[in-house]
């Protein structure tokens, strides 16, 4: 069975990112990992992100390296057969 890497970038929108992560956890699909790149956070939200998504791979960048570079950074550590890039303000619903 294929393994999917879901990659998202946060830039100072922790509430939206937590809602996104929680919506992923409510789904019934399996064989996926979540990679989150947090660009230039003002406050460390890593505990909140990990609580919302226990199987999270988290990269914290001290500077905002930009959306495209952050996605590339996430793909460099992702282990999935396929990469699924989603905006952090996405709310995933059943059947997505």
Protein backbone atom coordinates (compact mmCIF):
# COMPACT_ATOMS: atom_id res chain seq x y z
CA UNK A 1 0.00 0.00 0.00
CA UNK A 2 1.32 3.44 -0.92
CA UNK A 3 2.43 5.83 1.78
CA UNK A 4 1.46 9.50 1.38
CA UNK A 5 3.33 12.50 2.77
CA UNK A 6 1.08 15.49 3.48
CA UNK A 7 3.21 18.64 3.57
CA UNK A 8 2.10 22.03 4.82
CA UNK A 9 3.73 25.35 5.69
CA UNK A 10 2.80 27.59 8.60
CA UNK A 11 3.68 31.27 8.73
CA UNK A 12 2.28 32.84 11.85
CA UNK A 13 -1.14 31.19 11.61
CA UNK A 14 -0.98 28.62 14.42
CA UNK A 15 -4.76 28.48 14.95
CA UNK A 16 -5.41 27.67 11.28
CA UNK A 17 -2.62 25.10 11.26
CA UNK A 18 -3.92 23.38 14.40
CA UNK A 19 -7.43 23.20 12.88
CA UNK A 20 -5.91 21.71 9.71
CA UNK A 21 -3.96 19.10 11.70
CA UNK A 22 -7.01 18.20 13.77
CA UNK A 23 -9.10 17.76 10.61
CA UNK A 24 -6.54 15.26 9.31
CA UNK A 25 -6.72 13.26 12.53
CA UNK A 26 -10.50 12.94 12.19
CA UNK A 27 -10.19 11.06 8.88
CA UNK A 28 -10.25 7.30 8.48
CA UNK A 29 -7.44 6.99 5.93
CA UNK A 30 -4.13 5.37 6.88
CA UNK A 31 -0.55 5.14 5.65
CA UNK A 32 0.28 8.80 5.75
CA UNK A 33 2.65 11.14 7.48
CA UNK A 34 2.36 14.87 8.04
CA UNK A 35 5.32 17.20 7.55
CA UNK A 36 4.91 20.74 8.86
CA UNK A 37 7.37 23.53 8.21
CA UNK A 38 6.95 26.46 10.59
CA UNK A 39 8.53 29.61 9.15
CA UNK A 40 9.77 32.30 11.56
CA UNK A 41 7.40 31.63 14.45
CA UNK A 42 7.00 34.41 16.99
CA UNK A 43 6.11 31.80 19.63
CA UNK A 44 7.02 28.11 19.72
CA UNK A 45 3.78 26.21 18.99
CA UNK A 46 5.47 22.83 18.49
CA UNK A 47 3.72 21.26 21.51
CA UNK A 48 0.32 22.44 20.22
CA UNK A 49 1.07 21.12 16.72
CA UNK A 50 2.25 17.76 18.08
CA UNK A 51 -0.83 17.45 20.29
CA UNK A 52 -3.06 18.04 17.27
CA UNK A 53 -1.18 15.48 15.17
CA UNK A 54 0.92 12.90 17.03
CA UNK A 55 2.64 11.50 13.91
CA UNK A 56 3.94 14.95 12.91
CA UNK A 57 7.37 15.68 11.48
CA UNK A 58 8.13 19.30 12.33
CA UNK A 59 10.77 21.66 10.97
CA UNK A 60 11.09 25.06 12.63
CA UNK A 61 12.88 27.69 10.56
CA UNK A 62 14.19 30.72 12.46
CA UNK A 63 13.58 32.83 9.35
CA UNK A 64 10.81 32.89 6.76
CA UNK A 65 12.42 31.05 3.86
CA UNK A 66 9.27 31.39 1.76
CA UNK A 67 6.47 29.07 0.74
CA UNK A 68 8.18 27.23 -2.12
CA UNK A 69 11.48 26.72 -0.29
CA UNK A 70 9.64 25.47 2.80
CA UNK A 71 7.69 22.94 0.73
CA UNK A 72 10.95 21.77 -0.84
CA UNK A 73 12.43 21.45 2.63
CA UNK A 74 9.45 19.33 3.71
CA UNK A 75 9.74 17.09 0.66
CA UNK A 76 13.42 16.54 1.43
CA UNK A 77 12.54 14.74 4.70
CA UNK A 78 9.24 13.19 3.60
CA UNK A 79 9.21 9.41 3.27
CA UNK A 80 6.02 8.92 1.27
CA UNK A 81 5.62 7.41 -2.15
CA UNK A 82 3.54 10.46 -3.05
CA UNK A 83 3.62 14.06 -1.81
CA UNK A 84 0.43 16.01 -1.18
CA UNK A 85 1.03 19.73 -0.64
CA UNK A 86 -1.83 21.41 1.22
CA UNK A 87 -2.23 24.95 2.49
CA UNK A 88 -2.34 25.17 6.27
CA UNK A 89 -5.79 26.80 6.23
CA UNK A 90 -7.35 23.72 4.59
CA UNK A 91 -9.98 21.79 6.52
CA UNK A 92 -10.04 18.19 5.37
CA UNK A 93 -13.45 16.50 5.24
CA UNK A 94 -14.38 12.82 4.89
CA UNK A 95 -13.65 11.40 1.47
CA UNK A 96 -11.09 14.00 0.50
